[in-house]
């Protein structure tokens, strides 16, 4: 409910939040229409960049889960804009498998 209130001004009338995940410092939000990446900037994190990626523009994605020596998992999204991929880091213990399932649901 907290996220719904915070994002109400930028969501369309037909859009709803399906899932959200807290990253190391940022947020990744899955709506029924797009992926929203929230990049908290600066020391306080008060300044935020909201990047919207329509699911139809994602043509490939990969998930790398944490290994024995890695602390984090990574999701990489490939679009026409992110030809070399946009890497999104998740902290250890994050439900990276759930993230992959949600992304697959909307992209495939």
PDB file of N, CA and C in Angstrom:
ATOM      1  N   UNK A   1       0.818  -1.206   0.000  1.00  0.00           N
ATOM      2  CA  UNK A   1       0.000   0.000   0.000  1.00  0.00           C
ATOM      3  C   UNK A   1       0.855   1.260   0.000  1.00  0.00           C
ATOM      4  N   UNK A   2       2.008   1.178   0.684  1.00  0.00           N
ATOM      5  CA  UNK A   2       2.933   2.311   0.711  1.00  0.00           C
ATOM      6  C   UNK A   2       3.446   2.623  -0.693  1.00  0.00           C
ATOM      7  N   UNK A   3       3.796   1.579  -1.434  1.00  0.00           N
ATOM      8  CA  UNK A   3       4.272   1.759  -2.811  1.00  0.00           C
ATOM      9  C   UNK A   3       3.176   2.295  -3.721  1.00  0.00           C
ATOM     10  N   UNK A   4       1.969   1.820  -3.531  1.00  0.00           N
ATOM     11  CA  UNK A   4       0.855   2.279  -4.359  1.00  0.00           C
ATOM     12  C   UNK A   4       0.665   3.783  -4.188  1.00  0.00           C
ATOM     13  N   UNK A   5       0.726   4.260  -2.957  1.00  0.00           N
ATOM     14  CA  UNK A   5       0.588   5.696  -2.694  1.00  0.00           C
ATOM     15  C   UNK A   5       1.743   6.490  -3.296  1.00  0.00           C
ATOM     16  N   UNK A   6       2.966   5.970  -3.126  1.00  0.00           N
ATOM     17  CA  UNK A   6       4.148   6.673  -3.639  1.00  0.00           C
ATOM     18  C   UNK A   6       4.137   6.767  -5.164  1.00  0.00           C
ATOM     19  N   UNK A   7       3.699   5.710  -5.828  1.00  0.00           N
ATOM     20  CA  UNK A   7       3.774   5.656  -7.285  1.00  0.00           C
ATOM     21  C   UNK A   7       2.475   6.029  -7.986  1.00  0.00           C
ATOM     22  N   UNK A   8       1.443   6.298  -7.236  1.00  0.00           N
ATOM     23  CA  UNK A   8       0.156   6.688  -7.816  1.00  0.00           C
ATOM     24  C   UNK A   8       0.283   7.821  -8.837  1.00  0.00           C
ATOM     25  N   UNK A   9       1.086   8.858  -8.568  1.00  0.00           N
ATOM     26  CA  UNK A   9       1.195   9.954  -9.536  1.00  0.00           C
ATOM     27  C   UNK A   9       1.806   9.561 -10.885  1.00  0.00           C
ATOM     28  N   UNK A  10       2.599   8.483 -10.940  1.00  0.00           N
ATOM     29  CA  UNK A  10       3.238   8.133 -12.215  1.00  0.00           C
ATOM     30  C   UNK A  10       2.612   6.918 -12.899  1.00  0.00           C
ATOM     31  N   UNK A  11       1.671   6.255 -12.242  1.00  0.00           N
ATOM     32  CA  UNK A  11       1.010   5.106 -12.849  1.00  0.00           C
ATOM     33  C   UNK A  11      -0.193   5.572 -13.668  1.00  0.00           C
ATOM     34  N   UNK A  12      -0.456   4.885 -14.768  1.00  0.00           N
ATOM     35  CA  UNK A  12      -1.647   5.199 -15.552  1.00  0.00           C
ATOM     36  C   UNK A  12      -2.875   4.639 -14.838  1.00  0.00           C
ATOM     37  N   UNK A  13      -4.047   5.056 -15.277  1.00  0.00           N
ATOM     38  CA  UNK A  13      -5.288   4.586 -14.654  1.00  0.00           C
ATOM     39  C   UNK A  13      -5.461   3.074 -14.785  1.00  0.00           C
ATOM     40  N   UNK A  14      -4.952   2.503 -15.881  1.00  0.00           N
ATOM     41  CA  UNK A  14      -5.092   1.058 -16.128  1.00  0.00           C
ATOM     42  C   UNK A  14      -3.948   0.242 -15.535  1.00  0.00           C
ATOM     43  N   UNK A  15      -3.000   0.896 -14.895  1.00  0.00           N
ATOM     44  CA  UNK A  15      -1.776   0.230 -14.437  1.00  0.00           C
ATOM     45  C   UNK A  15      -1.860  -0.132 -12.956  1.00  0.00           C
ATOM     46  N   UNK A  16      -1.304  -1.295 -12.630  1.00  0.00           N
ATOM     47  CA  UNK A  16      -1.244  -1.730 -11.233  1.00  0.00           C
ATOM     48  C   UNK A  16       0.121  -2.339 -10.942  1.00  0.00           C
ATOM     49  N   UNK A  17       0.546  -2.232  -9.709  1.00  0.00           N
ATOM     50  CA  UNK A  17       1.825  -2.816  -9.291  1.00  0.00           C
ATOM     51  C   UNK A  17       1.620  -4.301  -9.040  1.00  0.00           C
ATOM     52  N   UNK A  18       2.410  -5.111  -9.726  1.00  0.00           N
ATOM     53  CA  UNK A  18       2.332  -6.568  -9.589  1.00  0.00           C
ATOM     54  C   UNK A  18       3.305  -7.094  -8.538  1.00  0.00           C
ATOM     55  N   UNK A  19       4.498  -6.490  -8.492  1.00  0.00           N
ATOM     56  CA  UNK A  19       5.526  -6.912  -7.531  1.00  0.00           C
ATOM     57  C   UNK A  19       6.581  -5.813  -7.436  1.00  0.00           C
ATOM     58  N   UNK A  20       7.287  -5.806  -6.322  1.00  0.00           N
ATOM     59  CA  UNK A  20       8.369  -4.842  -6.133  1.00  0.00           C
ATOM     60  C   UNK A  20       9.469  -5.500  -5.313  1.00  0.00           C
ATOM     61  N   UNK A  21      10.705  -5.129  -5.620  1.00  0.00           N
ATOM     62  CA  UNK A  21      11.851  -5.683  -4.915  1.00  0.00           C
ATOM     63  C   UNK A  21      12.803  -4.566  -4.547  1.00  0.00           C
ATOM     64  N   UNK A  22      13.266  -4.595  -3.313  1.00  0.00           N
ATOM     65  CA  UNK A  22      14.265  -3.631  -2.871  1.00  0.00           C
ATOM     66  C   UNK A  22      15.627  -4.176  -3.270  1.00  0.00           C
ATOM     67  N   UNK A  23      16.401  -3.330  -3.899  1.00  0.00           N
ATOM     68  CA  UNK A  23      17.746  -3.707  -4.312  1.00  0.00           C
ATOM     69  C   UNK A  23      18.717  -3.228  -3.245  1.00  0.00           C
ATOM     70  N   UNK A  24      19.988  -3.198  -3.555  1.00  0.00           N
ATOM     71  CA  UNK A  24      20.968  -2.732  -2.584  1.00  0.00           C
ATOM     72  C   UNK A  24      20.552  -1.381  -2.016  1.00  0.00           C
ATOM     73  N   UNK A  25      20.208  -0.470  -2.890  1.00  0.00           N
ATOM     74  CA  UNK A  25      19.759   0.852  -2.461  1.00  0.00           C
ATOM     75  C   UNK A  25      18.516   1.309  -3.216  1.00  0.00           C
ATOM     76  N   UNK A  26      18.272   0.695  -4.331  1.00  0.00           N
ATOM     77  CA  UNK A  26      17.244   1.133  -5.248  1.00  0.00           C
ATOM     78  C   UNK A  26      16.019   0.215  -5.178  1.00  0.00           C
ATOM     79  N   UNK A  27      15.110   0.399  -6.122  1.00  0.00           N
ATOM     80  CA  UNK A  27      13.891  -0.400  -6.220  1.00  0.00           C
ATOM     81  C   UNK A  27      13.679  -0.850  -7.653  1.00  0.00           C
ATOM     82  N   UNK A  28      13.091  -2.019  -7.824  1.00  0.00           N
ATOM     83  CA  UNK A  28      12.632  -2.469  -9.128  1.00  0.00           C
ATOM     84  C   UNK A  28      11.159  -2.821  -8.956  1.00  0.00           C
ATOM     85  N   UNK A  29      10.321  -2.227  -9.794  1.00  0.00           N
ATOM     86  CA  UNK A  29       8.880  -2.404  -9.674  1.00  0.00           C
ATOM     87  C   UNK A  29       8.340  -2.975 -10.978  1.00  0.00           C
ATOM     88  N   UNK A  30       7.554  -4.045 -10.851  1.00  0.00           N
ATOM     89  CA  UNK A  30       6.891  -4.663 -11.985  1.00  0.00           C
ATOM     90  C   UNK A  30       5.431  -4.241 -11.947  1.00  0.00           C
ATOM     91  N   UNK A  31       4.984  -3.548 -12.985  1.00  0.00           N
ATOM     92  CA  UNK A  31       3.558  -3.257 -13.104  1.00  0.00           C
ATOM     93  C   UNK A  31       3.011  -4.194 -14.165  1.00  0.00           C
ATOM     94  N   UNK A  32       1.729  -4.098 -14.417  1.00  0.00           N
ATOM     95  CA  UNK A  32       1.147  -4.934 -15.464  1.00  0.00           C
ATOM     96  C   UNK A  32       1.492  -4.423 -16.864  1.00  0.00           C
ATOM     97  N   UNK A  33       2.176  -3.242 -16.952  1.00  0.00           N
ATOM     98  CA  UNK A  33       2.492  -2.664 -18.251  1.00  0.00           C
ATOM     99  C   UNK A  33       3.984  -2.417 -18.507  1.00  0.00           C
ATOM    100  N   UNK A  34       4.747  -2.275 -17.443  1.00  0.00           N
ATOM    101  CA  UNK A  34       6.153  -1.906 -17.611  1.00  0.00           C
ATOM    102  C   UNK A  34       6.971  -2.260 -16.377  1.00  0.00           C
ATOM    103  N   UNK A  35       8.257  -2.116 -16.552  1.00  0.00           N
ATOM    104  CA  UNK A  35       9.229  -2.281 -15.477  1.00  0.00           C
ATOM    105  C   UNK A  35       9.683  -0.873 -15.099  1.00  0.00           C
ATOM    106  N   UNK A  36       9.694  -0.564 -13.806  1.00  0.00           N
ATOM    107  CA  UNK A  36      10.148   0.747 -13.354  1.00  0.00           C
ATOM    108  C   UNK A  36      11.376   0.541 -12.479  1.00  0.00           C
ATOM    109  N   UNK A  37      12.480   1.181 -12.866  1.00  0.00           N
ATOM    110  CA  UNK A  37      13.711   1.134 -12.081  1.00  0.00           C
ATOM    111  C   UNK A  37      13.827   2.458 -11.339  1.00  0.00           C
ATOM    112  N   UNK A  38      13.951   2.389 -10.035  1.00  0.00           N
ATOM    113  CA  UNK A  38      14.078   3.591  -9.212  1.00  0.00           C
ATOM    114  C   UNK A  38      15.506   3.652  -8.698  1.00  0.00           C
ATOM    115  N   UNK A  39      16.227   4.678  -9.135  1.00  0.00           N
ATOM    116  CA  UNK A  39      17.632   4.875  -8.773  1.00  0.00           C
ATOM    117  C   UNK A  39      17.712   6.018  -7.769  1.00  0.00           C
ATOM    118  N   UNK A  40      18.003   5.664  -6.515  1.00  0.00           N
ATOM    119  CA  UNK A  40      18.171   6.691  -5.486  1.00  0.00           C
ATOM    120  C   UNK A  40      19.568   7.268  -5.618  1.00  0.00           C
ATOM    121  N   UNK A  41      19.644   8.599  -5.664  1.00  0.00           N
ATOM    122  CA  UNK A  41      20.921   9.263  -5.915  1.00  0.00           C
ATOM    123  C   UNK A  41      21.317  10.133  -4.732  1.00  0.00           C
ATOM    124  N   UNK A  42      22.598  10.409  -4.652  1.00  0.00           N
ATOM    125  CA  UNK A  42      23.111  11.276  -3.599  1.00  0.00           C
ATOM    126  C   UNK A  42      23.252  10.544  -2.271  1.00  0.00           C
ATOM    127  N   UNK A  43      23.770  11.241  -1.300  1.00  0.00           N
ATOM    128  CA  UNK A  43      24.021  10.645   0.013  1.00  0.00           C
ATOM    129  C   UNK A  43      22.716  10.292   0.724  1.00  0.00           C
ATOM    130  N   UNK A  44      21.742  11.172   0.652  1.00  0.00           N
ATOM    131  CA  UNK A  44      20.478  10.954   1.365  1.00  0.00           C
ATOM    132  C   UNK A  44      19.512  10.069   0.596  1.00  0.00           C
ATOM    133  N   UNK A  45      19.675   9.980  -0.707  1.00  0.00           N
ATOM    134  CA  UNK A  45      18.770   9.186  -1.525  1.00  0.00           C
ATOM    135  C   UNK A  45      17.446   9.888  -1.794  1.00  0.00           C
ATOM    136  N   UNK A  46      17.375  11.172  -1.478  1.00  0.00           N
ATOM    137  CA  UNK A  46      16.133  11.918  -1.703  1.00  0.00           C
ATOM    138  C   UNK A  46      15.886  12.158  -3.191  1.00  0.00           C
ATOM    139  N   UNK A  47      16.961  12.372  -3.926  1.00  0.00           N
ATOM    140  CA  UNK A  47      16.836  12.554  -5.365  1.00  0.00           C
ATOM    141  C   UNK A  47      16.706  11.174  -5.990  1.00  0.00           C
ATOM    142  N   UNK A  48      15.695  11.008  -6.855  1.00  0.00           N
ATOM    143  CA  UNK A  48      15.441   9.706  -7.457  1.00  0.00           C
ATOM    144  C   UNK A  48      15.239   9.844  -8.958  1.00  0.00           C
ATOM    145  N   UNK A  49      15.750   8.868  -9.678  1.00  0.00           N
ATOM    146  CA  UNK A  49      15.482   8.775 -11.111  1.00  0.00           C
ATOM    147  C   UNK A  49      14.544   7.594 -11.314  1.00  0.00           C
ATOM    148  N   UNK A  50      13.478   7.819 -12.076  1.00  0.00           N
ATOM    149  CA  UNK A  50      12.524   6.775 -12.394  1.00  0.00           C
ATOM    150  C   UNK A  50      12.688   6.431 -13.869  1.00  0.00           C
ATOM    151  N   UNK A  51      13.071   5.200 -14.150  1.00  0.00           N
ATOM    152  CA  UNK A  51      13.260   4.786 -15.539  1.00  0.00           C
ATOM    153  C   UNK A  51      12.207   3.734 -15.866  1.00  0.00           C
ATOM    154  N   UNK A  52      11.403   4.007 -16.882  1.00  0.00           N
ATOM    155  CA  UNK A  52      10.349   3.090 -17.316  1.00  0.00           C
ATOM    156  C   UNK A  52      10.814   2.299 -18.520  1.00  0.00           C
ATOM    157  N   UNK A  53      10.625   1.001 -18.460  1.00  0.00           N
ATOM    158  CA  UNK A  53      10.983   0.130 -19.574  1.00  0.00           C
ATOM    159  C   UNK A  53       9.746  -0.690 -19.933  1.00  0.00           C
ATOM    160  N   UNK A  54       9.122  -0.394 -21.059  1.00  0.00           N
ATOM    161  CA  UNK A  54       7.968  -1.204 -21.485  1.00  0.00           C
ATOM    162  C   UNK A  54       8.427  -2.644 -21.729  1.00  0.00           C
ATOM    163  N   UNK A  55       7.622  -3.596 -21.317  1.00  0.00           N
ATOM    164  CA  UNK A  55       8.002  -5.005 -21.488  1.00  0.00           C
ATOM    165  C   UNK A  55       8.247  -5.352 -22.953  1.00  0.00           C
ATOM    166  N   UNK A  56       7.498  -4.724 -23.855  1.00  0.00           N
ATOM    167  CA  UNK A  56       7.650  -5.053 -25.276  1.00  0.00           C
ATOM    168  C   UNK A  56       9.023  -4.655 -25.822  1.00  0.00           C
ATOM    169  N   UNK A  57       9.739  -3.766 -25.123  1.00  0.00           N
ATOM    170  CA  UNK A  57      11.065  -3.356 -25.602  1.00  0.00           C
ATOM    171  C   UNK A  57      12.180  -4.264 -25.076  1.00  0.00           C
ATOM    172  N   UNK A  58      11.856  -5.149 -24.143  1.00  0.00           N
ATOM    173  CA  UNK A  58      12.865  -6.087 -23.612  1.00  0.00           C
ATOM    174  C   UNK A  58      12.908  -7.298 -24.539  1.00  0.00           C
ATOM    175  N   UNK A  59      14.062  -7.504 -25.179  1.00  0.00           N
ATOM    176  CA  UNK A  59      14.161  -8.636 -26.099  1.00  0.00           C
ATOM    177  C   UNK A  59      14.992  -9.779 -25.537  1.00  0.00           C
ATOM    178  N   UNK A  60      15.645  -9.551 -24.415  1.00  0.00           N
ATOM    179  CA  UNK A  60      16.440 -10.612 -23.792  1.00  0.00           C
ATOM    180  C   UNK A  60      16.717 -10.213 -22.346  1.00  0.00           C
ATOM    181  N   UNK A  61      16.843 -11.226 -21.484  1.00  0.00           N
ATOM    182  CA  UNK A  61      17.272 -10.963 -20.113  1.00  0.00           C
ATOM    183  C   UNK A  61      18.017 -12.188 -19.595  1.00  0.00           C
ATOM    184  N   UNK A  62      18.892 -11.953 -18.643  1.00  0.00           N
ATOM    185  CA  UNK A  62      19.620 -13.063 -18.032  1.00  0.00           C
ATOM    186  C   UNK A  62      19.669 -12.848 -16.523  1.00  0.00           C
ATOM    187  N   UNK A  63      19.765 -13.957 -15.806  1.00  0.00           N
ATOM    188  CA  UNK A  63      19.849 -13.921 -14.351  1.00  0.00           C
ATOM    189  C   UNK A  63      21.077 -14.693 -13.933  1.00  0.00           C
ATOM    190  N   UNK A  64      21.866 -14.081 -13.084  1.00  0.00           N
ATOM    191  CA  UNK A  64      23.049 -14.737 -12.532  1.00  0.00           C
ATOM    192  C   UNK A  64      22.850 -14.778 -11.024  1.00  0.00           C
ATOM    193  N   UNK A  65      22.749 -15.990 -10.479  1.00  0.00           N
ATOM    194  CA  UNK A  65      22.558 -16.063  -9.033  1.00  0.00           C
ATOM    195  C   UNK A  65      23.891 -16.086  -8.309  1.00  0.00           C
ATOM    196  N   UNK A  66      23.843 -15.766  -7.027  1.00  0.00           N
ATOM    197  CA  UNK A  66      25.088 -15.663  -6.259  1.00  0.00           C
ATOM    198  C   UNK A  66      25.720 -17.040  -6.100  1.00  0.00           C
ATOM    199  N   UNK A  67      27.015 -17.076  -6.251  1.00  0.00           N
ATOM    200  CA  UNK A  67      27.766 -18.306  -6.076  1.00  0.00           C
ATOM    201  C   UNK A  67      28.363 -18.357  -4.687  1.00  0.00           C
ATOM    202  N   UNK A  68      29.338 -19.186  -4.529  1.00  0.00           N
ATOM    203  CA  UNK A  68      29.967 -19.363  -3.222  1.00  0.00           C
ATOM    204  C   UNK A  68      30.665 -18.105  -2.725  1.00  0.00           C
ATOM    205  N   UNK A  69      31.288 -17.368  -3.641  1.00  0.00           N
ATOM    206  CA  UNK A  69      32.077 -16.211  -3.233  1.00  0.00           C
ATOM    207  C   UNK A  69      31.375 -14.883  -3.518  1.00  0.00           C
ATOM    208  N   UNK A  70      30.308 -14.916  -4.300  1.00  0.00           N
ATOM    209  CA  UNK A  70      29.583 -13.693  -4.625  1.00  0.00           C
ATOM    210  C   UNK A  70      28.559 -13.389  -3.547  1.00  0.00           C
ATOM    211  N   UNK A  71      28.387 -12.113  -3.267  1.00  0.00           N
ATOM    212  CA  UNK A  71      27.362 -11.702  -2.318  1.00  0.00           C
ATOM    213  C   UNK A  71      26.041 -11.394  -3.004  1.00  0.00           C
ATOM    214  N   UNK A  72      26.106 -11.064  -4.272  1.00  0.00           N
ATOM    215  CA  UNK A  72      24.924 -10.550  -4.950  1.00  0.00           C
ATOM    216  C   UNK A  72      24.547 -11.395  -6.154  1.00  0.00           C
ATOM    217  N   UNK A  73      23.277 -11.235  -6.571  1.00  0.00           N
ATOM    218  CA  UNK A  73      22.787 -11.808  -7.815  1.00  0.00           C
ATOM    219  C   UNK A  73      22.580 -10.661  -8.784  1.00  0.00           C
ATOM    220  N   UNK A  74      22.533 -10.976 -10.076  1.00  0.00           N
ATOM    221  CA  UNK A  74      22.368  -9.935 -11.087  1.00  0.00           C
ATOM    222  C   UNK A  74      21.295 -10.307 -12.090  1.00  0.00           C
ATOM    223  N   UNK A  75      20.527  -9.307 -12.452  1.00  0.00           N
ATOM    224  CA  UNK A  75      19.592  -9.407 -13.549  1.00  0.00           C
ATOM    225  C   UNK A  75      20.124  -8.468 -14.624  1.00  0.00           C
ATOM    226  N   UNK A  76      20.231  -8.947 -15.849  1.00  0.00           N
ATOM    227  CA  UNK A  76      20.668  -8.102 -16.960  1.00  0.00           C
ATOM    228  C   UNK A  76      19.551  -8.062 -17.985  1.00  0.00           C
ATOM    229  N   UNK A  77      19.162  -6.839 -18.356  1.00  0.00           N
ATOM    230  CA  UNK A  77      18.083  -6.629 -19.308  1.00  0.00           C
ATOM    231  C   UNK A  77      18.670  -6.047 -20.588  1.00  0.00           C
ATOM    232  N   UNK A  78      18.263  -6.609 -21.722  1.00  0.00           N
ATOM    233  CA  UNK A  78      18.725  -6.136 -23.031  1.00  0.00           C
ATOM    234  C   UNK A  78      17.552  -5.541 -23.798  1.00  0.00           C
ATOM    235  N   UNK A  79      17.725  -4.314 -24.250  1.00  0.00           N
ATOM    236  CA  UNK A  79      16.736  -3.624 -25.082  1.00  0.00           C
ATOM    237  C   UNK A  79      17.490  -2.950 -26.220  1.00  0.00           C
ATOM    238  N   UNK A  80      16.790  -2.247 -27.069  1.00  0.00           N
ATOM    239  CA  UNK A  80      17.460  -1.480 -28.128  1.00  0.00           C
ATOM    240  C   UNK A  80      18.318  -0.375 -27.528  1.00  0.00           C
ATOM    241  N   UNK A  81      17.905   0.153 -26.398  1.00  0.00           N
ATOM    242  CA  UNK A  81      18.678   1.200 -25.733  1.00  0.00           C
ATOM    243  C   UNK A  81      19.854   0.597 -24.963  1.00  0.00           C
ATOM    244  N   UNK A  82      19.608  -0.496 -24.271  1.00  0.00           N
ATOM    245  CA  UNK A  82      20.650  -1.167 -23.492  1.00  0.00           C
ATOM    246  C   UNK A  82      21.207  -2.343 -24.289  1.00  0.00           C
ATOM    247  N   UNK A  83      21.871  -2.061 -25.383  1.00  0.00           N
ATOM    248  CA  UNK A  83      22.396  -3.118 -26.252  1.00  0.00           C
ATOM    249  C   UNK A  83      23.415  -3.999 -25.532  1.00  0.00           C
ATOM    250  N   UNK A  84      24.209  -3.390 -24.634  1.00  0.00           N
ATOM    251  CA  UNK A  84      25.185  -4.156 -23.859  1.00  0.00           C
ATOM    252  C   UNK A  84      24.601  -4.648 -22.539  1.00  0.00           C
ATOM    253  N   UNK A  85      23.351  -4.361 -22.317  1.00  0.00           N
ATOM    254  CA  UNK A  85      22.662  -4.835 -21.128  1.00  0.00           C
ATOM    255  C   UNK A  85      22.675  -3.824 -19.996  1.00  0.00           C
ATOM    256  N   UNK A  86      21.571  -3.781 -19.279  1.00  0.00           N
ATOM    257  CA  UNK A  86      21.446  -2.968 -18.066  1.00  0.00           C
ATOM    258  C   UNK A  86      21.489  -3.940 -16.900  1.00  0.00           C
ATOM    259  N   UNK A  87      22.570  -3.857 -16.109  1.00  0.00           N
ATOM    260  CA  UNK A  87      22.739  -4.773 -14.977  1.00  0.00           C
ATOM    261  C   UNK A  87      22.067  -4.200 -13.746  1.00  0.00           C
ATOM    262  N   UNK A  88      21.332  -5.066 -13.057  1.00  0.00           N
ATOM    263  CA  UNK A  88      20.647  -4.696 -11.829  1.00  0.00           C
ATOM    264  C   UNK A  88      21.082  -5.691 -10.768  1.00  0.00           C
ATOM    265  N   UNK A  89      21.702  -5.191  -9.709  1.00  0.00           N
ATOM    266  CA  UNK A  89      22.220  -6.061  -8.652  1.00  0.00           C
ATOM    267  C   UNK A  89      21.193  -6.250  -7.546  1.00  0.00           C
ATOM    268  N   UNK A  90      21.080  -7.496  -7.094  1.00  0.00           N
ATOM    269  CA  UNK A  90      20.213  -7.847  -5.980  1.00  0.00           C
ATOM    270  C   UNK A  90      21.090  -8.340  -4.835  1.00  0.00           C
ATOM    271  N   UNK A  91      20.693  -8.018  -3.611  1.00  0.00           N
ATOM    272  CA  UNK A  91      21.484  -8.483  -2.480  1.00  0.00           C
ATOM    273  C   UNK A  91      21.276  -9.974  -2.260  1.00  0.00           C
ATOM    274  N   UNK A  92      22.237 -10.568  -1.594  1.00  0.00           N
ATOM    275  CA  UNK A  92      22.184 -12.000  -1.298  1.00  0.00           C
ATOM    276  C   UNK A  92      20.886 -12.299  -0.552  1.00  0.00           C
ATOM    277  N   UNK A  93      20.282 -13.393  -0.898  1.00  0.00           N
ATOM    278  CA  UNK A  93      19.037 -13.782  -0.255  1.00  0.00           C
ATOM    279  C   UNK A  93      17.802 -13.231  -0.954  1.00  0.00           C
ATOM    280  N   UNK A  94      18.007 -12.393  -1.972  1.00  0.00           N
ATOM    281  CA  UNK A  94      16.866 -11.873  -2.731  1.00  0.00           C
ATOM    282  C   UNK A  94      16.230 -13.000  -3.527  1.00  0.00           C
ATOM    283  N   UNK A  95      14.984 -12.846  -3.808  1.00  0.00           N
ATOM    284  CA  UNK A  95      14.239 -13.863  -4.543  1.00  0.00           C
ATOM    285  C   UNK A  95      14.454 -13.683  -6.042  1.00  0.00           C
ATOM    286  N   UNK A  96      15.695 -13.875  -6.494  1.00  0.00           N
ATOM    287  CA  UNK A  96      16.039 -13.663  -7.894  1.00  0.00           C
ATOM    288  C   UNK A  96      15.258 -14.609  -8.811  1.00  0.00           C
ATOM    289  N   UNK A  97      14.916 -15.789  -8.321  1.00  0.00           N
ATOM    290  CA  UNK A  97      14.120 -16.740  -9.103  1.00  0.00           C
ATOM    291  C   UNK A  97      12.722 -16.172  -9.326  1.00  0.00           C
ATOM    292  N   UNK A  98      12.149 -15.532  -8.306  1.00  0.00           N
ATOM    293  CA  UNK A  98      10.837 -14.897  -8.445  1.00  0.00           C
ATOM    294  C   UNK A  98      10.894 -13.743  -9.442  1.00  0.00           C
ATOM    295  N   UNK A  99      11.975 -12.979  -9.400  1.00  0.00           N
ATOM    296  CA  UNK A  99      12.165 -11.877 -10.335  1.00  0.00           C
ATOM    297  C   UNK A  99      12.180 -12.415 -11.760  1.00  0.00           C
ATOM    298  N   UNK A 100      12.903 -13.496 -11.972  1.00  0.00           N
ATOM    299  CA  UNK A 100      12.989 -14.094 -13.306  1.00  0.00           C
ATOM    300  C   UNK A 100      11.613 -14.570 -13.771  1.00  0.00           C
ATOM    301  N   UNK A 101      10.842 -15.192 -12.884  1.00  0.00           N
ATOM    302  CA  UNK A 101       9.509 -15.680 -13.258  1.00  0.00           C
ATOM    303  C   UNK A 101       8.580 -14.533 -13.637  1.00  0.00           C
ATOM    304  N   UNK A 102       8.619 -13.459 -12.867  1.00  0.00           N
ATOM    305  CA  UNK A 102       7.756 -12.315 -13.153  1.00  0.00           C
ATOM    306  C   UNK A 102       8.134 -11.682 -14.482  1.00  0.00           C
ATOM    307  N   UNK A 103       9.432 -11.507 -14.709  1.00  0.00           N
ATOM    308  CA  UNK A 103       9.896 -10.915 -15.960  1.00  0.00           C
ATOM    309  C   UNK A 103       9.511 -11.804 -17.150  1.00  0.00           C
ATOM    310  N   UNK A 104       9.694 -13.098 -16.994  1.00  0.00           N
ATOM    311  CA  UNK A 104       9.323 -14.030 -18.062  1.00  0.00           C
ATOM    312  C   UNK A 104       7.831 -13.969 -18.359  1.00  0.00           C
ATOM    313  N   UNK A 105       7.021 -13.834 -17.327  1.00  0.00           N
ATOM    314  CA  UNK A 105       5.564 -13.734 -17.503  1.00  0.00           C
ATOM    315  C   UNK A 105       5.195 -12.560 -18.415  1.00  0.00           C
ATOM    316  N   UNK A 106       5.852 -11.426 -18.220  1.00  0.00           N
ATOM    317  CA  UNK A 106       5.483 -10.234 -18.970  1.00  0.00           C
ATOM    318  C   UNK A 106       6.224 -10.100 -20.309  1.00  0.00           C
ATOM    319  N   UNK A 107       7.409 -10.678 -20.418  1.00  0.00           N
ATOM    320  CA  UNK A 107       8.210 -10.502 -21.635  1.00  0.00           C
ATOM    321  C   UNK A 107       7.923 -11.587 -22.669  1.00  0.00           C
ATOM    322  N   UNK A 108       7.732 -12.811 -22.214  1.00  0.00           N
ATOM    323  CA  UNK A 108       7.579 -13.933 -23.164  1.00  0.00           C
ATOM    324  C   UNK A 108       6.169 -14.042 -23.713  1.00  0.00           C
TER     325      UNK A 108
END
